[in-house]
PDB file of N, CA and C in Angstrom:
ATOM      1  N   MET A   1      35.576 257.150 166.775  1.00  0.00           N
ATOM      2  CA  MET A   1      35.859 255.971 167.574  1.00  0.00           C
ATOM      3  C   MET A   1      34.681 255.604 168.476  1.00  0.00           C
ATOM      4  N   SER A   2      34.077 256.556 169.161  1.00  0.00           N
ATOM      5  CA  SER A   2      33.036 256.225 170.124  1.00  0.00           C
ATOM      6  C   SER A   2      31.808 255.618 169.460  1.00  0.00           C
ATOM      7  N   GLY A   3      31.504 256.006 168.228  1.00  0.00           N
ATOM      8  CA  GLY A   3      30.379 255.404 167.524  1.00  0.00           C
ATOM      9  C   GLY A   3      30.595 253.909 167.318  1.00  0.00           C
ATOM     10  N   LYS A   4      31.830 253.527 167.003  1.00  0.00           N
ATOM     11  CA  LYS A   4      32.157 252.118 166.847  1.00  0.00           C
ATOM     12  C   LYS A   4      32.048 251.398 168.184  1.00  0.00           C
ATOM     13  N   THR A   5      32.427 252.083 169.255  1.00  0.00           N
ATOM     14  CA  THR A   5      32.344 251.499 170.595  1.00  0.00           C
ATOM     15  C   THR A   5      30.893 251.224 170.960  1.00  0.00           C
ATOM     16  N   LEU A   6      29.994 252.139 170.644  1.00  0.00           N
ATOM     17  CA  LEU A   6      28.572 251.936 170.924  1.00  0.00           C
ATOM     18  C   LEU A   6      28.081 250.652 170.270  1.00  0.00           C
ATOM     19  N   LYS A   7      28.311 250.535 168.990  1.00  0.00           N
ATOM     20  CA  LYS A   7      27.792 249.396 168.233  1.00  0.00           C
ATOM     21  C   LYS A   7      28.486 248.094 168.610  1.00  0.00           C
ATOM     22  N   ARG A   8      29.780 248.156 168.842  1.00  0.00           N
ATOM     23  CA  ARG A   8      30.523 246.944 169.209  1.00  0.00           C
ATOM     24  C   ARG A   8      30.057 246.405 170.559  1.00  0.00           C
ATOM     25  N   ASP A   9      29.912 247.292 171.533  1.00  0.00           N
ATOM     26  CA  ASP A   9      29.584 246.872 172.890  1.00  0.00           C
ATOM     27  C   ASP A   9      28.087 246.776 173.159  1.00  0.00           C
ATOM     28  N   LYS A  10      27.280 247.333 172.262  1.00  0.00           N
ATOM     29  CA  LYS A  10      25.823 247.340 172.437  1.00  0.00           C
ATOM     30  C   LYS A  10      25.458 247.882 173.819  1.00  0.00           C
ATOM     31  N   TRP A  11      26.012 249.027 174.112  1.00  0.00           N
ATOM     32  CA  TRP A  11      25.843 249.664 175.421  1.00  0.00           C
ATOM     33  C   TRP A  11      25.763 251.165 175.209  1.00  0.00           C
ATOM     34  N   VAL A  12      24.799 251.827 175.867  1.00  0.00           N
ATOM     35  CA  VAL A  12      24.666 253.274 175.738  1.00  0.00           C
ATOM     36  C   VAL A  12      24.117 253.864 177.036  1.00  0.00           C
ATOM     37  N   ARG A  13      24.614 255.034 177.383  1.00  0.00           N
ATOM     38  CA  ARG A  13      24.069 255.814 178.504  1.00  0.00           C
ATOM     39  C   ARG A  13      23.367 257.029 177.893  1.00  0.00           C
ATOM     40  N   ILE A  14      22.140 257.254 178.317  1.00  0.00           N
ATOM     41  CA  ILE A  14      21.375 258.421 177.897  1.00  0.00           C
ATOM     42  C   ILE A  14      21.478 259.430 179.033  1.00  0.00           C
ATOM     43  N   MET A  15      22.138 260.552 178.757  1.00  0.00           N
ATOM     44  CA  MET A  15      22.427 261.540 179.799  1.00  0.00           C
ATOM     45  C   MET A  15      22.751 262.883 179.166  1.00  0.00           C
ATOM     46  N   CYS A  16      22.195 263.938 179.699  1.00  0.00           N
ATOM     47  CA  CYS A  16      22.522 265.276 179.211  1.00  0.00           C
ATOM     48  C   CYS A  16      23.775 265.807 179.899  1.00  0.00           C
ATOM     49  N   ASP A  17      24.513 266.617 179.164  1.00  0.00           N
ATOM     50  CA  ASP A  17      25.636 267.368 179.712  1.00  0.00           C
ATOM     51  C   ASP A  17      25.931 268.494 178.729  1.00  0.00           C
ATOM     52  N   TYR A  18      26.648 269.484 179.180  1.00  0.00           N
ATOM     53  CA  TYR A  18      26.953 270.632 178.337  1.00  0.00           C
ATOM     54  C   TYR A  18      27.783 270.219 177.124  1.00  0.00           C
ATOM     55  N   SER A  19      27.457 270.783 175.990  1.00  0.00           N
ATOM     56  CA  SER A  19      28.182 270.560 174.739  1.00  0.00           C
ATOM     57  C   SER A  19      28.278 269.085 174.368  1.00  0.00           C
ATOM     58  N   ALA A  20      27.204 268.353 174.609  1.00  0.00           N
ATOM     59  CA  ALA A  20      27.181 266.922 174.289  1.00  0.00           C
ATOM     60  C   ALA A  20      25.962 266.632 173.417  1.00  0.00           C
ATOM     61  N   ASP A  21      25.800 265.360 173.080  1.00  0.00           N
ATOM     62  CA  ASP A  21      24.676 264.935 172.246  1.00  0.00           C
ATOM     63  C   ASP A  21      23.680 264.086 173.022  1.00  0.00           C
ATOM     64  N   GLY A  22      23.945 263.876 174.332  1.00  0.00           N
ATOM     65  CA  GLY A  22      23.033 263.102 175.165  1.00  0.00           C
ATOM     66  C   GLY A  22      23.252 261.600 175.101  1.00  0.00           C
ATOM     67  N   VAL A  23      24.318 261.161 174.416  1.00  0.00           N
ATOM     68  CA  VAL A  23      24.604 259.743 174.208  1.00  0.00           C
ATOM     69  C   VAL A  23      26.065 259.500 174.605  1.00  0.00           C
ATOM     70  N   TRP A  24      26.285 258.430 175.396  1.00  0.00           N
ATOM     71  CA  TRP A  24      27.620 258.146 175.938  1.00  0.00           C
ATOM     72  C   TRP A  24      27.922 256.654 175.831  1.00  0.00           C
ATOM     73  N   ASP A  25      29.190 256.323 175.649  1.00  0.00           N
ATOM     74  CA  ASP A  25      29.549 254.907 175.621  1.00  0.00           C
ATOM     75  C   ASP A  25      29.876 254.412 177.028  1.00  0.00           C
ATOM     76  N   HIS A  26      30.196 253.127 177.154  1.00  0.00           N
ATOM     77  CA  HIS A  26      30.408 252.526 178.473  1.00  0.00           C
ATOM     78  C   HIS A  26      31.647 253.057 179.176  1.00  0.00           C
ATOM     79  N   ARG A  27      32.531 253.689 178.444  1.00  0.00           N
ATOM     80  CA  ARG A  27      33.740 254.267 179.059  1.00  0.00           C
ATOM     81  C   ARG A  27      33.518 255.707 179.506  1.00  0.00           C
ATOM     82  N   GLY A  28      32.329 256.228 179.222  1.00  0.00           N
ATOM     83  CA  GLY A  28      32.026 257.604 179.608  1.00  0.00           C
ATOM     84  C   GLY A  28      32.353 258.625 178.541  1.00  0.00           C
ATOM     85  N   ALA A  29      32.669 258.174 177.337  1.00  0.00           N
ATOM     86  CA  ALA A  29      32.977 259.091 176.241  1.00  0.00           C
ATOM     87  C   ALA A  29      31.684 259.560 175.574  1.00  0.00           C
ATOM     88  N   ALA A  30      31.612 260.863 175.331  1.00  0.00           N
ATOM     89  CA  ALA A  30      30.462 261.421 174.618  1.00  0.00           C
ATOM     90  C   ALA A  30      30.466 260.901 173.192  1.00  0.00           C
ATOM     91  N   CYS A  31      29.271 260.567 172.700  1.00  0.00           N
ATOM     92  CA  CYS A  31      29.112 260.048 171.349  1.00  0.00           C
ATOM     93  C   CYS A  31      28.135 260.925 170.582  1.00  0.00           C
ATOM     94  N   ASN A  32      28.160 260.797 169.300  1.00  0.00           N
ATOM     95  CA  ASN A  32      27.231 261.506 168.447  1.00  0.00           C
ATOM     96  C   ASN A  32      25.935 260.708 168.375  1.00  0.00           C
ATOM     97  N   ALA A  33      24.812 261.367 168.531  1.00  0.00           N
ATOM     98  CA  ALA A  33      23.518 260.670 168.459  1.00  0.00           C
ATOM     99  C   ALA A  33      23.348 259.961 167.114  1.00  0.00           C
ATOM    100  N   ALA A  34      23.981 260.464 166.072  1.00  0.00           N
ATOM    101  CA  ALA A  34      23.892 259.831 164.755  1.00  0.00           C
ATOM    102  C   ALA A  34      24.523 258.441 164.748  1.00  0.00           C
ATOM    103  N   ASP A  35      25.417 258.164 165.710  1.00  0.00           N
ATOM    104  CA  ASP A  35      26.067 256.863 165.785  1.00  0.00           C
ATOM    105  C   ASP A  35      25.202 255.807 166.471  1.00  0.00           C
ATOM    106  N   LEU A  36      24.110 256.227 167.074  1.00  0.00           N
ATOM    107  CA  LEU A  36      23.216 255.287 167.741  1.00  0.00           C
ATOM    108  C   LEU A  36      22.242 254.732 166.704  1.00  0.00           C
ATOM    109  N   PRO A  37      22.197 253.413 166.524  1.00  0.00           N
ATOM    110  CA  PRO A  37      21.363 252.834 165.464  1.00  0.00           C
ATOM    111  C   PRO A  37      19.883 252.752 165.843  1.00  0.00           C
ATOM    112  N   VAL A  38      19.274 253.934 165.967  1.00  0.00           N
ATOM    113  CA  VAL A  38      17.850 254.049 166.273  1.00  0.00           C
ATOM    114  C   VAL A  38      17.183 254.873 165.174  1.00  0.00           C
ATOM    115  N   SER A  39      15.874 254.989 165.251  1.00  0.00           N
ATOM    116  CA  SER A  39      15.131 255.749 164.237  1.00  0.00           C
ATOM    117  C   SER A  39      15.492 257.226 164.269  1.00  0.00           C
ATOM    118  N   SER A  40      15.239 257.889 163.164  1.00  0.00           N
ATOM    119  CA  SER A  40      15.498 259.335 163.095  1.00  0.00           C
ATOM    120  C   SER A  40      14.620 260.082 164.093  1.00  0.00           C
ATOM    121  N   GLU A  41      13.429 259.555 164.372  1.00  0.00           N
ATOM    122  CA  GLU A  41      12.538 260.196 165.354  1.00  0.00           C
ATOM    123  C   GLU A  41      13.146 260.139 166.752  1.00  0.00           C
ATOM    124  N   THR A  42      13.711 259.007 167.103  1.00  0.00           N
ATOM    125  CA  THR A  42      14.337 258.876 168.428  1.00  0.00           C
ATOM    126  C   THR A  42      15.573 259.759 168.514  1.00  0.00           C
ATOM    127  N   ARG A  43      16.366 259.795 167.456  1.00  0.00           N
ATOM    128  CA  ARG A  43      17.531 260.690 167.443  1.00  0.00           C
ATOM    129  C   ARG A  43      17.104 262.146 167.597  1.00  0.00           C
ATOM    130  N   ALA A  44      16.028 262.528 166.927  1.00  0.00           N
ATOM    131  CA  ALA A  44      15.529 263.909 167.032  1.00  0.00           C
ATOM    132  C   ALA A  44      15.084 264.211 168.465  1.00  0.00           C
ATOM    133  N   MET A  45      14.458 263.235 169.119  1.00  0.00           N
ATOM    134  CA  MET A  45      14.052 263.445 170.516  1.00  0.00           C
ATOM    135  C   MET A  45      15.273 263.623 171.413  1.00  0.00           C
ATOM    136  N   ILE A  46      16.294 262.807 171.195  1.00  0.00           N
ATOM    137  CA  ILE A  46      17.515 262.924 172.001  1.00  0.00           C
ATOM    138  C   ILE A  46      18.130 264.304 171.811  1.00  0.00           C
ATOM    139  N   ARG A  47      18.239 264.734 170.574  1.00  0.00           N
ATOM    140  CA  ARG A  47      18.845 266.051 170.306  1.00  0.00           C
ATOM    141  C   ARG A  47      17.994 267.188 170.871  1.00  0.00           C
ATOM    142  N   GLY A  48      16.683 267.076 170.767  1.00  0.00           N
ATOM    143  CA  GLY A  48      15.803 268.101 171.325  1.00  0.00           C
ATOM    144  C   GLY A  48      15.885 268.160 172.833  1.00  0.00           C
ATOM    145  N   TRP A  49      15.959 267.001 173.467  1.00  0.00           N
ATOM    146  CA  TRP A  49      16.087 266.913 174.920  1.00  0.00           C
ATOM    147  C   TRP A  49      17.394 267.552 175.369  1.00  0.00           C
ATOM    148  N   GLN A  50      18.472 267.261 174.655  1.00  0.00           N
ATOM    149  CA  GLN A  50      19.776 267.855 174.961  1.00  0.00           C
ATOM    150  C   GLN A  50      19.743 269.371 174.741  1.00  0.00           C
ATOM    151  N   ALA A  51      19.113 269.818 173.660  1.00  0.00           N
ATOM    152  CA  ALA A  51      19.020 271.259 173.387  1.00  0.00           C
ATOM    153  C   ALA A  51      18.215 271.971 174.473  1.00  0.00           C
ATOM    154  N   TRP A  52      17.152 271.346 174.945  1.00  0.00           N
ATOM    155  CA  TRP A  52      16.340 271.886 176.042  1.00  0.00           C
ATOM    156  C   TRP A  52      17.230 272.103 177.273  1.00  0.00           C
ATOM    157  N   TYR A  53      18.037 271.110 177.586  1.00  0.00           N
ATOM    158  CA  TYR A  53      18.959 271.178 178.725  1.00  0.00           C
ATOM    159  C   TYR A  53      19.950 272.333 178.559  1.00  0.00           C
ATOM    160  N   GLU A  54      20.567 272.386 177.401  1.00  0.00           N
ATOM    161  CA  GLU A  54      21.583 273.419 177.174  1.00  0.00           C
ATOM    162  C   GLU A  54      20.979 274.812 177.148  1.00  0.00           C
ATOM    163  N   HIS A  55      19.807 274.972 176.535  1.00  0.00           N
ATOM    164  CA  HIS A  55      19.161 276.278 176.478  1.00  0.00           C
ATOM    165  C   HIS A  55      18.799 276.765 177.875  1.00  0.00           C
ATOM    166  N   ALA A  56      18.191 275.898 178.651  1.00  0.00           N
ATOM    167  CA  ALA A  56      17.768 276.295 180.000  1.00  0.00           C
ATOM    168  C   ALA A  56      18.965 276.590 180.888  1.00  0.00           C
ATOM    169  N   ALA A  57      19.994 275.771 180.781  1.00  0.00           N
ATOM    170  CA  ALA A  57      21.167 275.959 181.633  1.00  0.00           C
ATOM    171  C   ALA A  57      21.911 277.242 181.304  1.00  0.00           C
ATOM    172  N   GLY A  58      21.857 277.661 180.056  1.00  0.00           N
ATOM    173  CA  GLY A  58      22.597 278.846 179.651  1.00  0.00           C
ATOM    174  C   GLY A  58      21.771 280.119 179.571  1.00  0.00           C
ATOM    175  N   SER A  59      20.518 280.043 179.995  1.00  0.00           N
ATOM    176  CA  SER A  59      19.665 281.222 179.854  1.00  0.00           C
ATOM    177  C   SER A  59      19.366 281.868 181.196  1.00  0.00           C
ATOM    178  N   LYS A  60      18.768 283.038 181.116  1.00  0.00           N
ATOM    179  CA  LYS A  60      18.340 283.746 182.322  1.00  0.00           C
ATOM    180  C   LYS A  60      17.165 283.027 182.985  1.00  0.00           C
ATOM    181  N   MET A  61      16.569 282.071 182.265  1.00  0.00           N
ATOM    182  CA  MET A  61      15.410 281.355 182.783  1.00  0.00           C
ATOM    183  C   MET A  61      15.794 280.046 183.475  1.00  0.00           C
ATOM    184  N   SER A  62      17.075 279.815 183.706  1.00  0.00           N
ATOM    185  CA  SER A  62      17.493 278.540 184.280  1.00  0.00           C
ATOM    186  C   SER A  62      16.855 278.275 185.639  1.00  0.00           C
ATOM    187  N   HIS A  63      16.478 279.306 186.338  1.00  0.00           N
ATOM    188  CA  HIS A  63      15.861 279.121 187.655  1.00  0.00           C
ATOM    189  C   HIS A  63      14.450 278.534 187.563  1.00  0.00           C
ATOM    190  N   VAL A  64      13.865 278.539 186.375  1.00  0.00           N
ATOM    191  CA  VAL A  64      12.536 277.944 186.212  1.00  0.00           C
ATOM    192  C   VAL A  64      12.589 276.649 185.394  1.00  0.00           C
ATOM    193  N   PHE A  65      13.776 276.136 185.188  1.00  0.00           N
ATOM    194  CA  PHE A  65      13.943 274.870 184.466  1.00  0.00           C
ATOM    195  C   PHE A  65      13.206 273.778 185.240  1.00  0.00           C
ATOM    196  N   ASP A  66      12.373 273.024 184.555  1.00  0.00           N
ATOM    197  CA  ASP A  66      11.571 271.982 185.186  1.00  0.00           C
ATOM    198  C   ASP A  66      12.340 270.659 185.148  1.00  0.00           C
ATOM    199  N   ASP A  67      13.097 270.405 186.218  1.00  0.00           N
ATOM    200  CA  ASP A  67      13.901 269.183 186.302  1.00  0.00           C
ATOM    201  C   ASP A  67      13.049 267.925 186.141  1.00  0.00           C
ATOM    202  N   ALA A  68      11.895 267.923 186.789  1.00  0.00           N
ATOM    203  CA  ALA A  68      11.046 266.727 186.756  1.00  0.00           C
ATOM    204  C   ALA A  68      10.543 266.435 185.339  1.00  0.00           C
ATOM    205  N   ALA A  69      10.110 267.465 184.634  1.00  0.00           N
ATOM    206  CA  ALA A  69       9.620 267.276 183.262  1.00  0.00           C
ATOM    207  C   ALA A  69      10.763 266.836 182.345  1.00  0.00           C
ATOM    208  N   HIS A  70      11.911 267.455 182.507  1.00  0.00           N
ATOM    209  CA  HIS A  70      13.071 267.096 181.693  1.00  0.00           C
ATOM    210  C   HIS A  70      13.480 265.647 181.967  1.00  0.00           C
ATOM    211  N   ALA A  71      13.494 265.253 183.225  1.00  0.00           N
ATOM    212  CA  ALA A  71      13.853 263.880 183.596  1.00  0.00           C
ATOM    213  C   ALA A  71      12.831 262.878 183.062  1.00  0.00           C
ATOM    214  N   ALA A  72      11.561 263.213 183.135  1.00  0.00           N
ATOM    215  CA  ALA A  72      10.512 262.306 182.636  1.00  0.00           C
ATOM    216  C   ALA A  72      10.655 262.093 181.130  1.00  0.00           C
ATOM    217  N   PHE A  73      10.967 263.155 180.409  1.00  0.00           N
ATOM    218  CA  PHE A  73      11.156 263.013 178.963  1.00  0.00           C
ATOM    219  C   PHE A  73      12.412 262.191 178.672  1.00  0.00           C
ATOM    220  N   GLY A  74      13.465 262.399 179.457  1.00  0.00           N
ATOM    221  CA  GLY A  74      14.683 261.598 179.292  1.00  0.00           C
ATOM    222  C   GLY A  74      14.422 260.122 179.508  1.00  0.00           C
ATOM    223  N   LEU A  75      13.623 259.787 180.530  1.00  0.00           N
ATOM    224  CA  LEU A  75      13.267 258.394 180.783  1.00  0.00           C
ATOM    225  C   LEU A  75      12.458 257.836 179.609  1.00  0.00           C
ATOM    226  N   PHE A  76      11.540 258.620 179.095  1.00  0.00           N
ATOM    227  CA  PHE A  76      10.763 258.210 177.921  1.00  0.00           C
ATOM    228  C   PHE A  76      11.699 257.900 176.748  1.00  0.00           C
ATOM    229  N   ILE A  77      12.667 258.770 176.523  1.00  0.00           N
ATOM    230  CA  ILE A  77      13.630 258.568 175.433  1.00  0.00           C
ATOM    231  C   ILE A  77      14.435 257.290 175.656  1.00  0.00           C
ATOM    232  N   ALA A  78      14.934 257.099 176.879  1.00  0.00           N
ATOM    233  CA  ALA A  78      15.721 255.898 177.181  1.00  0.00           C
ATOM    234  C   ALA A  78      14.888 254.643 176.921  1.00  0.00           C
ATOM    235  N   ARG A  79      13.617 254.695 177.260  1.00  0.00           N
ATOM    236  CA  ARG A  79      12.742 253.548 176.997  1.00  0.00           C
ATOM    237  C   ARG A  79      12.518 253.353 175.498  1.00  0.00           C
ATOM    238  N   CYS A  80      12.419 254.434 174.748  1.00  0.00           N
ATOM    239  CA  CYS A  80      12.307 254.321 173.280  1.00  0.00           C
ATOM    240  C   CYS A  80      13.554 253.651 172.714  1.00  0.00           C
ATOM    241  N   VAL A  81      14.719 254.060 173.202  1.00  0.00           N
ATOM    242  CA  VAL A  81      15.972 253.454 172.750  1.00  0.00           C
ATOM    243  C   VAL A  81      15.968 251.960 173.069  1.00  0.00           C
ATOM    244  N   LYS A  82      15.553 251.595 174.274  1.00  0.00           N
ATOM    245  CA  LYS A  82      15.531 250.177 174.657  1.00  0.00           C
ATOM    246  C   LYS A  82      14.560 249.383 173.788  1.00  0.00           C
ATOM    247  N   ARG A  83      13.410 249.956 173.471  1.00  0.00           N
ATOM    248  CA  ARG A  83      12.458 249.255 172.591  1.00  0.00           C
ATOM    249  C   ARG A  83      13.071 249.009 171.208  1.00  0.00           C
ATOM    250  N   GLU A  84      13.820 250.000 170.716  1.00  0.00           N
ATOM    251  CA  GLU A  84      14.431 249.854 169.397  1.00  0.00           C
ATOM    252  C   GLU A  84      15.674 248.966 169.418  1.00  0.00           C
ATOM    253  N   LEU A  85      16.327 248.892 170.574  1.00  0.00           N
ATOM    254  CA  LEU A  85      17.562 248.107 170.709  1.00  0.00           C
ATOM    255  C   LEU A  85      17.429 247.159 171.904  1.00  0.00           C
ATOM    256  N   PRO A  86      16.519 246.194 171.831  1.00  0.00           N
ATOM    257  CA  PRO A  86      16.227 245.359 173.000  1.00  0.00           C
ATOM    258  C   PRO A  86      17.405 244.518 173.493  1.00  0.00           C
ATOM    259  N   ASP A  87      18.375 244.233 172.618  1.00  0.00           N
ATOM    260  CA  ASP A  87      19.525 243.424 173.043  1.00  0.00           C
ATOM    261  C   ASP A  87      20.697 244.282 173.540  1.00  0.00           C
ATOM    262  N   TRP A  88      20.497 245.574 173.646  1.00  0.00           N
ATOM    263  CA  TRP A  88      21.512 246.484 174.158  1.00  0.00           C
ATOM    264  C   TRP A  88      21.304 246.734 175.648  1.00  0.00           C
ATOM    265  N   THR A  89      22.378 247.119 176.321  1.00  0.00           N
ATOM    266  CA  THR A  89      22.274 247.650 177.673  1.00  0.00           C
ATOM    267  C   THR A  89      22.044 249.150 177.521  1.00  0.00           C
ATOM    268  N   VAL A  90      20.933 249.627 178.061  1.00  0.00           N
ATOM    269  CA  VAL A  90      20.590 251.055 178.001  1.00  0.00           C
ATOM    270  C   VAL A  90      20.554 251.563 179.435  1.00  0.00           C
ATOM    271  N   ILE A  91      21.415 252.520 179.721  1.00  0.00           N
ATOM    272  CA  ILE A  91      21.509 253.120 181.049  1.00  0.00           C
ATOM    273  C   ILE A  91      20.932 254.530 180.958  1.00  0.00           C
ATOM    274  N   TYR A  92      20.144 254.904 181.956  1.00  0.00           N
ATOM    275  CA  TYR A  92      19.589 256.257 182.005  1.00  0.00           C
ATOM    276  C   TYR A  92      20.094 256.959 183.260  1.00  0.00           C
ATOM    277  N   LEU A  93      20.602 258.159 183.091  1.00  0.00           N
ATOM    278  CA  LEU A  93      21.014 258.975 184.222  1.00  0.00           C
ATOM    279  C   LEU A  93      19.971 260.060 184.423  1.00  0.00           C
ATOM    280  N   ASP A  94      19.268 259.981 185.528  1.00  0.00           N
ATOM    281  CA  ASP A  94      18.190 260.909 185.867  1.00  0.00           C
ATOM    282  C   ASP A  94      18.776 262.099 186.616  1.00  0.00           C
ATOM    283  N   ASP A  95      18.942 263.201 185.890  1.00  0.00           N
ATOM    284  CA  ASP A  95      19.556 264.405 186.444  1.00  0.00           C
ATOM    285  C   ASP A  95      18.744 265.053 187.561  1.00  0.00           C
ATOM    286  N   SER A  96      17.493 264.683 187.708  1.00  0.00           N
ATOM    287  CA  SER A  96      16.668 265.320 188.736  1.00  0.00           C
ATOM    288  C   SER A  96      16.876 264.685 190.109  1.00  0.00           C
ATOM    289  N   LYS A  97      17.525 263.531 190.177  1.00  0.00           N
ATOM    290  CA  LYS A  97      17.642 262.818 191.444  1.00  0.00           C
ATOM    291  C   LYS A  97      18.895 263.092 192.268  1.00  0.00           C
ATOM    292  N   PRO A  98      20.054 263.319 191.675  1.00  0.00           N
ATOM    293  CA  PRO A  98      21.234 263.533 192.516  1.00  0.00           C
ATOM    294  C   PRO A  98      21.053 264.756 193.408  1.00  0.00           C
ATOM    295  N   ARG A  99      21.575 264.659 194.585  1.00  0.00           N
ATOM    296  CA  ARG A  99      21.527 265.782 195.519  1.00  0.00           C
ATOM    297  C   ARG A  99      22.946 266.239 195.808  1.00  0.00           C
ATOM    298  N   ASN A 100      23.120 267.493 196.024  1.00  0.00           N
ATOM    299  CA  ASN A 100      24.424 268.051 196.391  1.00  0.00           C
ATOM    300  C   ASN A 100      25.516 267.730 195.384  1.00  0.00           C
ATOM    301  N   GLY A 101      25.154 267.748 194.111  1.00  0.00           N
ATOM    302  CA  GLY A 101      26.179 267.565 193.068  1.00  0.00           C
ATOM    303  C   GLY A 101      26.836 266.207 193.053  1.00  0.00           C
ATOM    304  N   TRP A 102      26.087 265.137 193.302  1.00  0.00           N
ATOM    305  CA  TRP A 102      26.596 263.769 193.250  1.00  0.00           C
ATOM    306  C   TRP A 102      27.762 263.581 194.204  1.00  0.00           C
ATOM    307  N   GLN A 103      27.502 263.701 195.445  1.00  0.00           N
ATOM    308  CA  GLN A 103      28.535 263.560 196.466  1.00  0.00           C
ATOM    309  C   GLN A 103      29.040 262.118 196.539  1.00  0.00           C
ATOM    310  N   PRO A 104      30.319 261.949 196.854  1.00  0.00           N
ATOM    311  CA  PRO A 104      30.839 260.591 197.056  1.00  0.00           C
ATOM    312  C   PRO A 104      30.006 259.884 198.128  1.00  0.00           C
ATOM    313  N   GLY A 105      29.755 258.635 197.889  1.00  0.00           N
ATOM    314  CA  GLY A 105      28.967 257.864 198.841  1.00  0.00           C
ATOM    315  C   GLY A 105      27.492 257.800 198.498  1.00  0.00           C
ATOM    316  N   GLU A 106      27.024 258.716 197.640  1.00  0.00           N
ATOM    317  CA  GLU A 106      25.624 258.641 197.226  1.00  0.00           C
ATOM    318  C   GLU A 106      25.474 257.417 196.336  1.00  0.00           C
ATOM    319  N   PRO A 107      24.509 256.546 196.637  1.00  0.00           N
ATOM    320  CA  PRO A 107      24.352 255.349 195.801  1.00  0.00           C
ATOM    321  C   PRO A 107      24.043 255.727 194.350  1.00  0.00           C
ATOM    322  N   ARG A 108      24.891 255.284 193.453  1.00  0.00           N
ATOM    323  CA  ARG A 108      24.749 255.642 192.040  1.00  0.00           C
ATOM    324  C   ARG A 108      23.438 255.127 191.458  1.00  0.00           C
ATOM    325  N   ASP A 109      22.958 253.985 191.943  1.00  0.00           N
ATOM    326  CA  ASP A 109      21.724 253.441 191.392  1.00  0.00           C
ATOM    327  C   ASP A 109      20.488 254.250 191.790  1.00  0.00           C
ATOM    328  N   HIS A 110      20.690 255.255 192.621  1.00  0.00           N
ATOM    329  CA  HIS A 110      19.593 256.174 192.942  1.00  0.00           C
ATOM    330  C   HIS A 110      19.267 257.061 191.740  1.00  0.00           C
ATOM    331  N   PHE A 111      20.278 257.397 190.946  1.00  0.00           N
ATOM    332  CA  PHE A 111      20.061 258.312 189.828  1.00  0.00           C
ATOM    333  C   PHE A 111      20.490 257.757 188.482  1.00  0.00           C
ATOM    334  N   GLU A 112      21.131 256.600 188.472  1.00  0.00           N
ATOM    335  CA  GLU A 112      21.579 255.996 187.220  1.00  0.00           C
ATOM    336  C   GLU A 112      21.219 254.513 187.255  1.00  0.00           C
ATOM    337  N   TYR A 113      20.469 254.078 186.246  1.00  0.00           N
ATOM    338  CA  TYR A 113      20.006 252.694 186.284  1.00  0.00           C
ATOM    339  C   TYR A 113      19.753 252.175 184.878  1.00  0.00           C
ATOM    340  N   GLU A 114      19.728 250.841 184.789  1.00  0.00           N
ATOM    341  CA  GLU A 114      19.489 250.194 183.512  1.00  0.00           C
ATOM    342  C   GLU A 114      17.996 250.178 183.194  1.00  0.00           C
ATOM    343  N   ILE A 115      17.678 250.406 181.947  1.00  0.00           N
ATOM    344  CA  ILE A 115      16.314 250.295 181.450  1.00  0.00           C
ATOM    345  C   ILE A 115      16.122 248.840 181.039  1.00  0.00           C
ATOM    346  N   ILE A 116      15.170 248.178 181.672  1.00  0.00           N
ATOM    347  CA  ILE A 116      14.957 246.752 181.425  1.00  0.00           C
ATOM    348  C   ILE A 116      13.567 246.544 180.842  1.00  0.00           C
ATOM    349  N   LEU A 117      13.531 245.879 179.723  1.00  0.00           N
ATOM    350  CA  LEU A 117      12.296 245.572 179.026  1.00  0.00           C
ATOM    351  C   LEU A 117      11.877 244.153 179.375  1.00  0.00           C
ATOM    352  N   ALA A 118      10.712 244.003 179.979  1.00  0.00           N
ATOM    353  CA  ALA A 118      10.207 242.689 180.346  1.00  0.00           C
ATOM    354  C   ALA A 118       9.689 241.945 179.104  1.00  0.00           C
ATOM    355  N   SER A 119       9.510 240.655 179.228  1.00  0.00           N
ATOM    356  CA  SER A 119       9.066 239.849 178.096  1.00  0.00           C
ATOM    357  C   SER A 119       7.669 240.247 177.614  1.00  0.00           C
ATOM    358  N   ASP A 120       6.880 240.860 178.487  1.00  0.00           N
ATOM    359  CA  ASP A 120       5.525 241.284 178.079  1.00  0.00           C
ATOM    360  C   ASP A 120       5.520 242.692 177.457  1.00  0.00           C
ATOM    361  N   GLY A 121       6.701 243.281 177.281  1.00  0.00           N
ATOM    362  CA  GLY A 121       6.797 244.607 176.662  1.00  0.00           C
ATOM    363  C   GLY A 121       6.730 245.760 177.646  1.00  0.00           C
ATOM    364  N   SER A 122       6.527 245.475 178.929  1.00  0.00           N
ATOM    365  CA  SER A 122       6.522 246.534 179.943  1.00  0.00           C
ATOM    366  C   SER A 122       7.954 246.779 180.414  1.00  0.00           C
ATOM    367  N   PHE A 123       8.141 247.828 181.168  1.00  0.00           N
ATOM    368  CA  PHE A 123       9.459 248.150 181.701  1.00  0.00           C
ATOM    369  C   PHE A 123       9.498 247.808 183.178  1.00  0.00           C
ATOM    370  N   LEU A 124      10.604 247.207 183.583  1.00  0.00           N
ATOM    371  CA  LEU A 124      10.786 246.907 185.002  1.00  0.00           C
ATOM    372  C   LEU A 124      11.322 248.154 185.697  1.00  0.00           C
ATOM    373  N   PRO A 125      10.974 248.302 186.956  1.00  0.00           N
ATOM    374  CA  PRO A 125      11.401 249.525 187.673  1.00  0.00           C
ATOM    375  C   PRO A 125      12.874 249.743 187.710  1.00  0.00           C
TER     376      PRO A 125
END
């Protein structure tokens, strides 16, 4: 069902979470990366990024997990998705920005925002 929701609504959130594929629909349902109509290279990046997250979170090395590097790669992936799907709404959730476990009242746009492609091919902040 969620794969159909992605394509019907042309909306996707790129976000890592445990036991997920890094792709979510507008209702917050986890989706399979295979349901996202992007190149196999972009799908492989999404899956690798998610695997990096899960491996680090579940290992003894989680204390050395590089949040900034992981977030930068996630932003790169979200921008790749937007380039491939310019008429879609692409939302990126930057896991490195929330503080104190996403406390109520924290402005959501601090860590979750739309990827916008300008007419000249650059990305708006």
